[in-house]
Structures are given as C-alpha cells and as structure tokens.
C-alpha cells in the first residue's frame, strides 16, 4: 500500500527535521509492508504558529529514488508558492489511485492552504486520512475526509507520530 505525507513542522516546540520525520515513518511503514511514495513537507526555522511569510523555510519531497530531497528553500512565502505545485502533483497521484492513505501532519488544508488539493482529492477518492494537528484535522473532518484517527501535534515527536500512524493503518488494512 502506498502512503503520502503532507504537512509541516507546525506549531510544535518539539519539531524534528524532515529527515527524522520521513525516516521514522518509513521504518514503521516498512514493517507493515507499506511504502511512503509521496512527501510534501514544509519545515520552518520557527514554529509556524509564530512564523511570518519572511521566516526561513524549506520544502521537502521524495525524489524518484525515494530519497528525501529539498525542493525549495527561502522565505515561507516562496516555499509556500513551490508547495502549491507539489500539492497539485500529489492531488493528481491520489486521483490516479496511486495513494492508498494520506498522512497529514500539521497540514495547511484551509481554503487557500498549500495542502488543500491533496485533501480534496483524498475526500473525492475516499482515501483514508490520518495524522496529527488538531486544527488541520478538524478542517479535514469538515471537508468530509475519511479520518481514521485524530491527534494533536504539539506534544508529539516524529517517532510517536510514525508509531501511531502505523498502528492506525494496520488496524484499518
């Protein structure tokens, strides 16, 4: 089963870097026989709850080799612009049936958010969604997402998120 990760470091004071986030998730998914095939992850120098469009940020994606790659680096405004294209690509992959589950981590799924298209595609395709980030998952629920589990993100780490998501997907599959 193919899994996609979309979101950000959010407002957590326990932010991990993108490599740690993806590595922890890949380890847990491997144990399930699942594969992380798509990543759209924004990291920022400060928690996003205190950021501005000028905050230094990075957009991380998976290359065709499944290696984590920095796709954009600059201000949060610049990185968000690059994330729009990535969101369109992820939405298209979901619509083609290439993604069996969507993991949202402090995702920006608001009406103008950089993860809105992927969520909308998951809702239309009835792809299961799970993750962390109370505000973003609340918006996902309002949009009609097929939520498997919901958790806050401030007190979580990349490892606890990976374990929780894997356990949720194992129960579902």
N, C-alpha and C. Protein backbone atom coordinates (compact mmCIF):
# COMPACT_ATOMS: atom_id res chain seq x y z
N UNK A 1 0.85 -1.17 0.00
CA UNK A 1 0.00 0.00 0.00
C UNK A 1 0.90 1.25 0.00
N UNK A 2 0.55 2.22 -0.80
CA UNK A 2 1.32 3.46 -0.89
C UNK A 2 0.72 4.53 0.01
N UNK A 3 1.60 5.23 0.71
CA UNK A 3 1.20 6.26 1.65
C UNK A 3 1.85 7.58 1.25
N UNK A 4 1.09 8.67 1.41
CA UNK A 4 1.62 10.01 1.15
C UNK A 4 1.64 10.79 2.46
N UNK A 5 2.64 11.64 2.61
CA UNK A 5 2.80 12.51 3.77
C UNK A 5 2.72 13.95 3.29
N UNK A 6 1.84 14.74 3.90
CA UNK A 6 1.73 16.15 3.55
C UNK A 6 1.60 16.97 4.83
N UNK A 7 2.29 18.10 4.88
CA UNK A 7 2.15 18.96 6.04
C UNK A 7 3.39 19.77 6.33
N UNK A 8 3.63 19.94 7.64
CA UNK A 8 4.69 20.84 8.07
C UNK A 8 5.15 20.48 9.47
N UNK A 9 6.12 21.25 9.94
CA UNK A 9 6.57 21.13 11.32
C UNK A 9 5.57 21.73 12.29
N UNK A 10 4.60 22.47 11.78
CA UNK A 10 3.52 23.01 12.60
C UNK A 10 3.98 23.95 13.70
N UNK A 11 3.21 23.98 14.76
CA UNK A 11 3.49 24.88 15.87
C UNK A 11 4.23 24.22 17.00
N UNK A 12 4.66 22.98 16.80
CA UNK A 12 5.28 22.20 17.86
C UNK A 12 6.62 22.78 18.30
N UNK A 13 6.85 22.72 19.58
CA UNK A 13 8.15 23.08 20.12
C UNK A 13 9.09 21.89 20.07
N UNK A 14 8.57 20.72 19.67
CA UNK A 14 9.38 19.51 19.55
C UNK A 14 9.56 19.14 18.09
N UNK A 15 9.73 20.14 17.25
CA UNK A 15 9.87 19.90 15.81
C UNK A 15 11.09 19.04 15.54
N UNK A 16 10.90 18.09 14.65
CA UNK A 16 12.04 17.32 14.18
C UNK A 16 12.36 17.81 12.78
N UNK A 17 13.50 17.42 12.28
CA UNK A 17 13.79 17.82 10.91
C UNK A 17 13.09 16.85 9.95
N UNK A 18 13.04 17.23 8.69
CA UNK A 18 12.32 16.44 7.69
C UNK A 18 12.90 15.04 7.57
N UNK A 19 14.20 14.92 7.65
CA UNK A 19 14.83 13.60 7.52
C UNK A 19 14.40 12.68 8.65
N UNK A 20 14.35 13.20 9.86
CA UNK A 20 13.93 12.39 11.00
C UNK A 20 12.46 11.98 10.86
N UNK A 21 11.64 12.92 10.41
CA UNK A 21 10.20 12.64 10.23
C UNK A 21 10.00 11.52 9.22
N UNK A 22 10.64 11.63 8.07
CA UNK A 22 10.47 10.65 7.00
C UNK A 22 11.11 9.32 7.37
N UNK A 23 12.28 9.34 7.98
CA UNK A 23 12.94 8.11 8.37
C UNK A 23 12.11 7.31 9.37
N UNK A 24 11.57 7.98 10.37
CA UNK A 24 10.75 7.29 11.37
C UNK A 24 9.51 6.69 10.72
N UNK A 25 8.90 7.44 9.83
CA UNK A 25 7.70 6.94 9.16
C UNK A 25 8.02 5.77 8.23
N UNK A 26 9.10 5.88 7.46
CA UNK A 26 9.48 4.78 6.56
C UNK A 26 9.76 3.50 7.33
N UNK A 27 10.42 3.62 8.47
CA UNK A 27 10.72 2.44 9.28
C UNK A 27 9.44 1.73 9.71
N UNK A 28 8.48 2.49 10.20
CA UNK A 28 7.22 1.89 10.66
C UNK A 28 6.40 1.34 9.49
N UNK A 29 6.37 2.07 8.37
CA UNK A 29 5.60 1.60 7.22
C UNK A 29 6.21 0.34 6.62
N UNK A 30 7.54 0.27 6.60
CA UNK A 30 8.22 -0.94 6.10
C UNK A 30 7.75 -2.18 6.86
N UNK A 31 7.58 -2.03 8.17
CA UNK A 31 7.13 -3.16 9.00
C UNK A 31 5.72 -3.61 8.62
N UNK A 32 4.94 -2.70 8.03
CA UNK A 32 3.58 -3.04 7.59
C UNK A 32 3.54 -3.56 6.15
N UNK A 33 4.66 -3.44 5.47
CA UNK A 33 4.67 -3.77 4.05
C UNK A 33 4.13 -2.63 3.20
N UNK A 34 4.08 -1.44 3.76
CA UNK A 34 3.60 -0.25 3.06
C UNK A 34 4.81 0.59 2.65
N UNK A 35 4.57 1.51 1.71
CA UNK A 35 5.66 2.33 1.17
C UNK A 35 5.28 3.80 1.18
N UNK A 36 6.18 4.61 1.67
CA UNK A 36 6.00 6.06 1.58
C UNK A 36 6.40 6.48 0.17
N UNK A 37 5.44 6.92 -0.62
CA UNK A 37 5.71 7.22 -2.03
C UNK A 37 5.68 8.70 -2.36
N UNK A 38 5.06 9.51 -1.51
CA UNK A 38 4.95 10.94 -1.78
C UNK A 38 5.16 11.72 -0.48
N UNK A 39 5.93 12.79 -0.57
CA UNK A 39 6.15 13.68 0.57
C UNK A 39 6.02 15.12 0.11
N UNK A 40 5.30 15.89 0.87
CA UNK A 40 5.21 17.35 0.71
C UNK A 40 5.29 17.91 2.12
N UNK A 41 6.49 18.23 2.58
CA UNK A 41 6.70 18.60 3.97
C UNK A 41 7.45 19.92 4.05
N UNK A 42 6.86 20.89 4.73
CA UNK A 42 7.49 22.20 4.91
C UNK A 42 8.09 22.26 6.30
N UNK A 43 9.35 22.66 6.36
CA UNK A 43 9.99 22.92 7.65
C UNK A 43 10.31 24.41 7.72
N UNK A 44 10.24 24.95 8.92
CA UNK A 44 10.44 26.38 9.12
C UNK A 44 11.36 26.59 10.31
N UNK A 45 12.09 27.70 10.29
CA UNK A 45 13.04 27.98 11.37
C UNK A 45 12.37 28.22 12.71
N UNK A 46 11.11 28.56 12.71
CA UNK A 46 10.34 28.79 13.94
C UNK A 46 9.03 28.01 13.84
N UNK A 47 8.39 27.73 14.98
CA UNK A 47 7.08 27.09 14.88
C UNK A 47 6.16 27.94 14.01
N UNK A 48 5.38 27.30 13.17
CA UNK A 48 4.54 28.04 12.22
C UNK A 48 3.51 28.92 12.91
N UNK A 49 3.17 28.61 14.16
CA UNK A 49 2.26 29.47 14.91
C UNK A 49 2.85 30.86 15.15
N UNK A 50 4.17 30.97 15.06
CA UNK A 50 4.84 32.26 15.30
C UNK A 50 5.60 32.74 14.06
N UNK A 51 5.37 32.13 12.92
CA UNK A 51 6.13 32.48 11.72
C UNK A 51 5.50 33.66 10.99
N UNK A 52 6.27 34.17 10.04
CA UNK A 52 5.76 35.17 9.11
C UNK A 52 6.13 34.69 7.71
N UNK A 53 5.63 35.34 6.70
CA UNK A 53 5.98 34.95 5.33
C UNK A 53 7.45 35.14 5.05
N UNK A 54 8.15 35.89 5.92
CA UNK A 54 9.59 36.11 5.75
C UNK A 54 10.44 35.05 6.47
N UNK A 55 9.82 34.18 7.26
CA UNK A 55 10.58 33.16 8.00
C UNK A 55 11.27 32.20 7.04
N UNK A 56 12.50 31.83 7.36
CA UNK A 56 13.29 30.91 6.52
C UNK A 56 12.66 29.52 6.58
N UNK A 57 12.45 28.92 5.42
CA UNK A 57 11.74 27.64 5.33
C UNK A 57 12.31 26.78 4.22
N UNK A 58 11.88 25.51 4.23
CA UNK A 58 12.31 24.55 3.21
C UNK A 58 11.12 23.66 2.85
N UNK A 59 11.06 23.24 1.60
CA UNK A 59 10.08 22.27 1.14
C UNK A 59 10.81 20.99 0.79
N UNK A 60 10.37 19.88 1.39
CA UNK A 60 10.99 18.58 1.18
C UNK A 60 10.02 17.67 0.45
N UNK A 61 10.53 16.93 -0.53
CA UNK A 61 9.74 15.96 -1.29
C UNK A 61 10.57 14.70 -1.48
N UNK A 62 9.94 13.67 -2.02
CA UNK A 62 10.67 12.44 -2.35
C UNK A 62 11.06 12.48 -3.81
N UNK A 63 12.30 12.19 -4.08
CA UNK A 63 12.77 12.07 -5.46
C UNK A 63 12.35 10.71 -6.00
N UNK A 64 12.52 10.50 -7.28
CA UNK A 64 12.15 9.22 -7.88
C UNK A 64 12.91 8.05 -7.25
N UNK A 65 14.05 8.34 -6.64
CA UNK A 65 14.84 7.30 -5.99
C UNK A 65 14.36 7.02 -4.56
N UNK A 66 13.29 7.68 -4.15
CA UNK A 66 12.73 7.59 -2.80
C UNK A 66 13.62 8.27 -1.77
N UNK A 67 14.54 9.09 -2.24
CA UNK A 67 15.38 9.86 -1.32
C UNK A 67 14.72 11.20 -1.04
N UNK A 68 14.79 11.63 0.20
CA UNK A 68 14.24 12.93 0.57
C UNK A 68 15.09 14.03 -0.07
N UNK A 69 14.42 14.97 -0.73
CA UNK A 69 15.11 16.00 -1.49
C UNK A 69 14.54 17.37 -1.13
N UNK A 70 15.43 18.32 -0.97
CA UNK A 70 14.99 19.69 -0.72
C UNK A 70 14.56 20.30 -2.06
N UNK A 71 13.28 20.54 -2.21
CA UNK A 71 12.75 21.05 -3.47
C UNK A 71 12.79 22.57 -3.53
N UNK A 72 12.68 23.23 -2.38
CA UNK A 72 12.72 24.69 -2.35
C UNK A 72 13.26 25.15 -1.00
N UNK A 73 13.91 26.30 -1.03
CA UNK A 73 14.44 26.90 0.20
C UNK A 73 14.34 28.41 0.04
N UNK A 74 13.89 29.09 1.08
CA UNK A 74 13.76 30.54 1.02
C UNK A 74 12.81 31.00 2.10
N UNK A 75 12.11 32.08 1.83
CA UNK A 75 11.14 32.56 2.79
C UNK A 75 9.92 31.63 2.78
N UNK A 76 9.13 31.70 3.83
CA UNK A 76 7.94 30.87 3.88
C UNK A 76 7.01 31.20 2.71
N UNK A 77 6.94 32.44 2.32
CA UNK A 77 6.13 32.81 1.17
C UNK A 77 6.61 32.14 -0.11
N UNK A 78 7.92 32.11 -0.31
CA UNK A 78 8.49 31.46 -1.50
C UNK A 78 8.29 29.95 -1.46
N UNK A 79 8.49 29.37 -0.29
CA UNK A 79 8.34 27.93 -0.15
C UNK A 79 6.88 27.52 -0.33
N UNK A 80 5.97 28.33 0.20
CA UNK A 80 4.55 28.04 0.01
C UNK A 80 4.18 28.06 -1.47
N UNK A 81 4.76 28.98 -2.23
CA UNK A 81 4.49 29.04 -3.67
C UNK A 81 4.96 27.74 -4.35
N UNK A 82 6.12 27.26 -3.97
CA UNK A 82 6.62 25.99 -4.52
C UNK A 82 5.75 24.82 -4.07
N UNK A 83 5.24 24.90 -2.85
CA UNK A 83 4.40 23.82 -2.33
C UNK A 83 3.07 23.71 -3.08
N UNK A 84 2.61 24.81 -3.65
CA UNK A 84 1.37 24.77 -4.44
C UNK A 84 1.50 23.77 -5.60
N UNK A 85 2.63 23.81 -6.30
CA UNK A 85 2.84 22.88 -7.42
C UNK A 85 2.93 21.45 -6.91
N UNK A 86 3.59 21.26 -5.80
CA UNK A 86 3.73 19.93 -5.20
C UNK A 86 2.35 19.40 -4.78
N UNK A 87 1.51 20.27 -4.25
CA UNK A 87 0.16 19.88 -3.84
C UNK A 87 -0.65 19.42 -5.05
N UNK A 88 -0.50 20.10 -6.17
CA UNK A 88 -1.20 19.69 -7.40
C UNK A 88 -0.72 18.31 -7.85
N UNK A 89 0.58 18.06 -7.76
CA UNK A 89 1.13 16.77 -8.15
C UNK A 89 0.61 15.65 -7.25
N UNK A 90 0.58 15.90 -5.94
CA UNK A 90 0.08 14.90 -5.00
C UNK A 90 -1.41 14.64 -5.24
N UNK A 91 -2.18 15.68 -5.46
CA UNK A 91 -3.61 15.51 -5.73
C UNK A 91 -3.82 14.65 -6.98
N UNK A 92 -3.03 14.89 -8.01
CA UNK A 92 -3.14 14.09 -9.24
C UNK A 92 -2.80 12.62 -8.97
N UNK A 93 -1.78 12.37 -8.16
CA UNK A 93 -1.41 10.99 -7.82
C UNK A 93 -2.54 10.30 -7.06
N UNK A 94 -3.18 11.02 -6.16
CA UNK A 94 -4.31 10.46 -5.41
C UNK A 94 -5.44 10.14 -6.38
N UNK A 95 -5.73 11.05 -7.27
CA UNK A 95 -6.82 10.84 -8.24
C UNK A 95 -6.53 9.68 -9.18
N UNK A 96 -5.26 9.41 -9.47
CA UNK A 96 -4.89 8.27 -10.32
C UNK A 96 -4.90 6.94 -9.55
N UNK A 97 -5.18 6.99 -8.26
CA UNK A 97 -5.22 5.77 -7.45
C UNK A 97 -3.86 5.30 -6.98
N UNK A 98 -2.86 6.17 -7.02
CA UNK A 98 -1.51 5.79 -6.63
C UNK A 98 -1.25 5.90 -5.13
N UNK A 99 -2.20 6.43 -4.38
CA UNK A 99 -2.03 6.64 -2.94
C UNK A 99 -3.17 5.95 -2.20
N UNK A 100 -2.82 5.08 -1.26
CA UNK A 100 -3.82 4.35 -0.51
C UNK A 100 -4.15 4.93 0.84
N UNK A 101 -3.33 5.87 1.32
CA UNK A 101 -3.59 6.54 2.59
C UNK A 101 -2.84 7.87 2.58
N UNK A 102 -3.45 8.88 3.18
CA UNK A 102 -2.85 10.22 3.27
C UNK A 102 -2.60 10.54 4.72
N UNK A 103 -1.36 10.84 5.05
CA UNK A 103 -0.98 11.24 6.40
C UNK A 103 -0.80 12.75 6.40
N UNK A 104 -1.58 13.43 7.21
CA UNK A 104 -1.47 14.88 7.36
C UNK A 104 -0.79 15.19 8.68
N UNK A 105 0.26 15.98 8.64
CA UNK A 105 0.98 16.41 9.85
C UNK A 105 0.99 17.93 9.86
N UNK A 106 0.18 18.51 10.73
CA UNK A 106 0.05 19.97 10.78
C UNK A 106 -0.07 20.54 9.37
N UNK A 107 -0.99 19.97 8.62
CA UNK A 107 -1.17 20.35 7.22
C UNK A 107 -1.98 21.64 7.11
N UNK A 108 -1.75 22.35 6.04
CA UNK A 108 -2.46 23.59 5.74
C UNK A 108 -3.56 23.26 4.75
N UNK A 109 -4.72 22.84 5.28
CA UNK A 109 -5.82 22.38 4.43
C UNK A 109 -6.96 23.39 4.36
N UNK A 110 -6.71 24.60 4.81
CA UNK A 110 -7.72 25.66 4.72
C UNK A 110 -8.03 25.94 3.25
N UNK A 111 -9.02 26.75 3.00
CA UNK A 111 -9.48 27.02 1.64
C UNK A 111 -8.38 27.51 0.70
N UNK A 112 -7.37 28.17 1.23
CA UNK A 112 -6.26 28.65 0.40
C UNK A 112 -4.93 27.99 0.78
N UNK A 113 -4.99 26.92 1.58
CA UNK A 113 -3.79 26.28 2.10
C UNK A 113 -3.02 25.47 1.07
N UNK A 114 -1.77 25.25 1.35
CA UNK A 114 -0.88 24.56 0.41
C UNK A 114 -1.08 23.04 0.38
N UNK A 115 -1.97 22.51 1.20
CA UNK A 115 -2.29 21.08 1.17
C UNK A 115 -3.75 20.83 0.81
N UNK A 116 -4.45 21.86 0.40
CA UNK A 116 -5.89 21.76 0.15
C UNK A 116 -6.24 20.83 -1.01
N UNK A 117 -5.46 20.83 -2.06
CA UNK A 117 -5.78 20.00 -3.23
C UNK A 117 -5.62 18.51 -2.91
N UNK A 118 -4.56 18.16 -2.20
CA UNK A 118 -4.36 16.75 -1.83
C UNK A 118 -5.50 16.27 -0.95
N UNK A 119 -5.92 17.10 0.01
CA UNK A 119 -7.04 16.70 0.86
C UNK A 119 -8.31 16.56 0.04
N UNK A 120 -8.59 17.51 -0.83
CA UNK A 120 -9.80 17.45 -1.65
C UNK A 120 -9.80 16.18 -2.51
N UNK A 121 -8.65 15.83 -3.07
CA UNK A 121 -8.56 14.60 -3.87
C UNK A 121 -8.80 13.37 -3.00
N UNK A 122 -8.26 13.37 -1.79
CA UNK A 122 -8.47 12.24 -0.88
C UNK A 122 -9.94 12.11 -0.50
N UNK A 123 -10.61 13.22 -0.29
CA UNK A 123 -12.04 13.19 0.03
C UNK A 123 -12.82 12.61 -1.14
N UNK A 124 -12.54 13.09 -2.35
CA UNK A 124 -13.26 12.59 -3.53
C UNK A 124 -13.01 11.10 -3.76
N UNK A 125 -11.78 10.66 -3.55
CA UNK A 125 -11.41 9.26 -3.81
C UNK A 125 -11.69 8.35 -2.61
N UNK A 126 -12.13 8.93 -1.49
CA UNK A 126 -12.38 8.19 -0.25
C UNK A 126 -11.12 7.50 0.26
N UNK A 127 -9.97 8.13 0.03
CA UNK A 127 -8.70 7.64 0.55
C UNK A 127 -8.67 7.92 2.05
N UNK A 128 -8.33 6.94 2.87
CA UNK A 128 -8.28 7.18 4.31
C UNK A 128 -7.20 8.20 4.67
N UNK A 129 -7.52 9.00 5.70
CA UNK A 129 -6.65 10.08 6.16
C UNK A 129 -6.40 9.89 7.65
N UNK A 130 -5.16 10.10 8.06
CA UNK A 130 -4.85 10.10 9.48
C UNK A 130 -3.72 11.09 9.71
N UNK A 131 -3.41 11.35 10.97
CA UNK A 131 -2.32 12.26 11.24
C UNK A 131 -2.45 13.00 12.55
N UNK A 132 -1.72 14.11 12.62
CA UNK A 132 -1.69 14.93 13.81
C UNK A 132 -1.87 16.39 13.41
N UNK A 133 -2.26 17.18 14.38
CA UNK A 133 -2.50 18.60 14.14
C UNK A 133 -3.99 18.86 14.28
N UNK A 134 -4.41 19.18 15.48
CA UNK A 134 -5.84 19.30 15.77
C UNK A 134 -6.59 20.23 14.84
N UNK A 135 -6.04 21.42 14.60
CA UNK A 135 -6.75 22.38 13.75
C UNK A 135 -6.88 21.87 12.32
N UNK A 136 -5.79 21.35 11.76
CA UNK A 136 -5.84 20.89 10.37
C UNK A 136 -6.73 19.67 10.23
N UNK A 137 -6.71 18.77 11.19
CA UNK A 137 -7.56 17.58 11.09
C UNK A 137 -9.03 17.92 11.32
N UNK A 138 -9.28 18.95 12.12
CA UNK A 138 -10.66 19.43 12.27
C UNK A 138 -11.19 19.95 10.94
N UNK A 139 -10.37 20.69 10.21
CA UNK A 139 -10.77 21.18 8.89
C UNK A 139 -10.93 20.01 7.91
N UNK A 140 -10.07 19.01 8.02
CA UNK A 140 -10.18 17.83 7.16
C UNK A 140 -11.51 17.11 7.42
N UNK A 141 -11.89 17.01 8.69
CA UNK A 141 -13.16 16.37 9.03
C UNK A 141 -14.33 17.16 8.44
N UNK A 142 -14.26 18.48 8.56
CA UNK A 142 -15.31 19.33 7.99
C UNK A 142 -15.41 19.16 6.48
N UNK A 143 -14.27 18.91 5.83
CA UNK A 143 -14.25 18.74 4.37
C UNK A 143 -14.79 17.38 3.94
N UNK A 144 -15.01 16.48 4.90
CA UNK A 144 -15.54 15.16 4.57
C UNK A 144 -14.50 14.06 4.47
N UNK A 145 -13.30 14.32 5.00
CA UNK A 145 -12.24 13.30 4.94
C UNK A 145 -12.65 12.05 5.71
N UNK A 146 -12.18 10.94 5.24
CA UNK A 146 -12.40 9.64 5.88
C UNK A 146 -11.30 9.45 6.92
N UNK A 147 -11.46 10.11 8.07
CA UNK A 147 -10.43 10.13 9.11
C UNK A 147 -10.40 8.82 9.88
N UNK A 148 -9.20 8.24 9.97
CA UNK A 148 -9.02 7.01 10.73
C UNK A 148 -8.63 7.29 12.17
N UNK A 149 -7.91 8.38 12.39
CA UNK A 149 -7.53 8.78 13.75
C UNK A 149 -7.15 10.25 13.72
N UNK A 150 -7.29 10.87 14.89
CA UNK A 150 -7.01 12.29 15.01
C UNK A 150 -6.18 12.48 16.27
N UNK A 151 -5.16 13.32 16.19
CA UNK A 151 -4.32 13.59 17.34
C UNK A 151 -3.78 15.00 17.25
N UNK A 152 -3.49 15.58 18.40
CA UNK A 152 -2.80 16.86 18.42
C UNK A 152 -1.36 16.66 18.02
N UNK A 153 -0.63 17.75 17.81
CA UNK A 153 0.75 17.60 17.36
C UNK A 153 1.78 18.23 18.29
N UNK A 154 1.37 19.12 19.16
CA UNK A 154 2.34 19.87 19.95
C UNK A 154 3.19 18.95 20.83
N UNK A 155 2.59 17.93 21.41
CA UNK A 155 3.33 17.05 22.31
C UNK A 155 3.86 15.79 21.65
N UNK A 156 3.82 15.71 20.32
CA UNK A 156 4.26 14.50 19.65
C UNK A 156 5.66 14.69 19.07
N UNK A 157 6.28 13.57 18.75
CA UNK A 157 7.58 13.57 18.08
C UNK A 157 7.44 12.80 16.77
N UNK A 158 8.45 12.84 15.95
CA UNK A 158 8.39 12.09 14.70
C UNK A 158 8.20 10.60 14.97
N UNK A 159 8.80 10.09 16.01
CA UNK A 159 8.69 8.66 16.33
C UNK A 159 7.30 8.29 16.84
N UNK A 160 6.73 9.12 17.73
CA UNK A 160 5.39 8.80 18.23
C UNK A 160 4.36 8.94 17.13
N UNK A 161 4.53 9.90 16.23
CA UNK A 161 3.60 10.03 15.10
C UNK A 161 3.69 8.81 14.19
N UNK A 162 4.90 8.37 13.89
CA UNK A 162 5.09 7.22 13.00
C UNK A 162 4.46 5.96 13.59
N UNK A 163 4.64 5.74 14.86
CA UNK A 163 4.07 4.57 15.52
C UNK A 163 2.54 4.65 15.51
N UNK A 164 2.00 5.81 15.85
CA UNK A 164 0.54 5.97 15.88
C UNK A 164 -0.08 5.76 14.51
N UNK A 165 0.53 6.33 13.49
CA UNK A 165 0.01 6.19 12.13
C UNK A 165 0.08 4.74 11.68
N UNK A 166 1.19 4.09 11.93
CA UNK A 166 1.34 2.69 11.51
C UNK A 166 0.32 1.80 12.21
N UNK A 167 0.11 2.02 13.50
CA UNK A 167 -0.87 1.23 14.23
C UNK A 167 -2.27 1.48 13.67
N UNK A 168 -2.57 2.71 13.35
CA UNK A 168 -3.89 3.05 12.78
C UNK A 168 -4.09 2.39 11.42
N UNK A 169 -3.07 2.48 10.56
CA UNK A 169 -3.17 1.86 9.25
C UNK A 169 -3.25 0.34 9.33
N UNK A 170 -2.50 -0.25 10.26
CA UNK A 170 -2.56 -1.70 10.45
C UNK A 170 -3.96 -2.14 10.84
N UNK A 171 -4.59 -1.41 11.74
CA UNK A 171 -5.97 -1.74 12.13
C UNK A 171 -6.92 -1.60 10.93
N UNK A 172 -6.70 -0.55 10.16
CA UNK A 172 -7.60 -0.28 9.03
C UNK A 172 -7.45 -1.34 7.93
N UNK A 173 -6.18 -1.68 7.58
CA UNK A 173 -5.94 -2.62 6.49
C UNK A 173 -6.18 -4.03 6.93
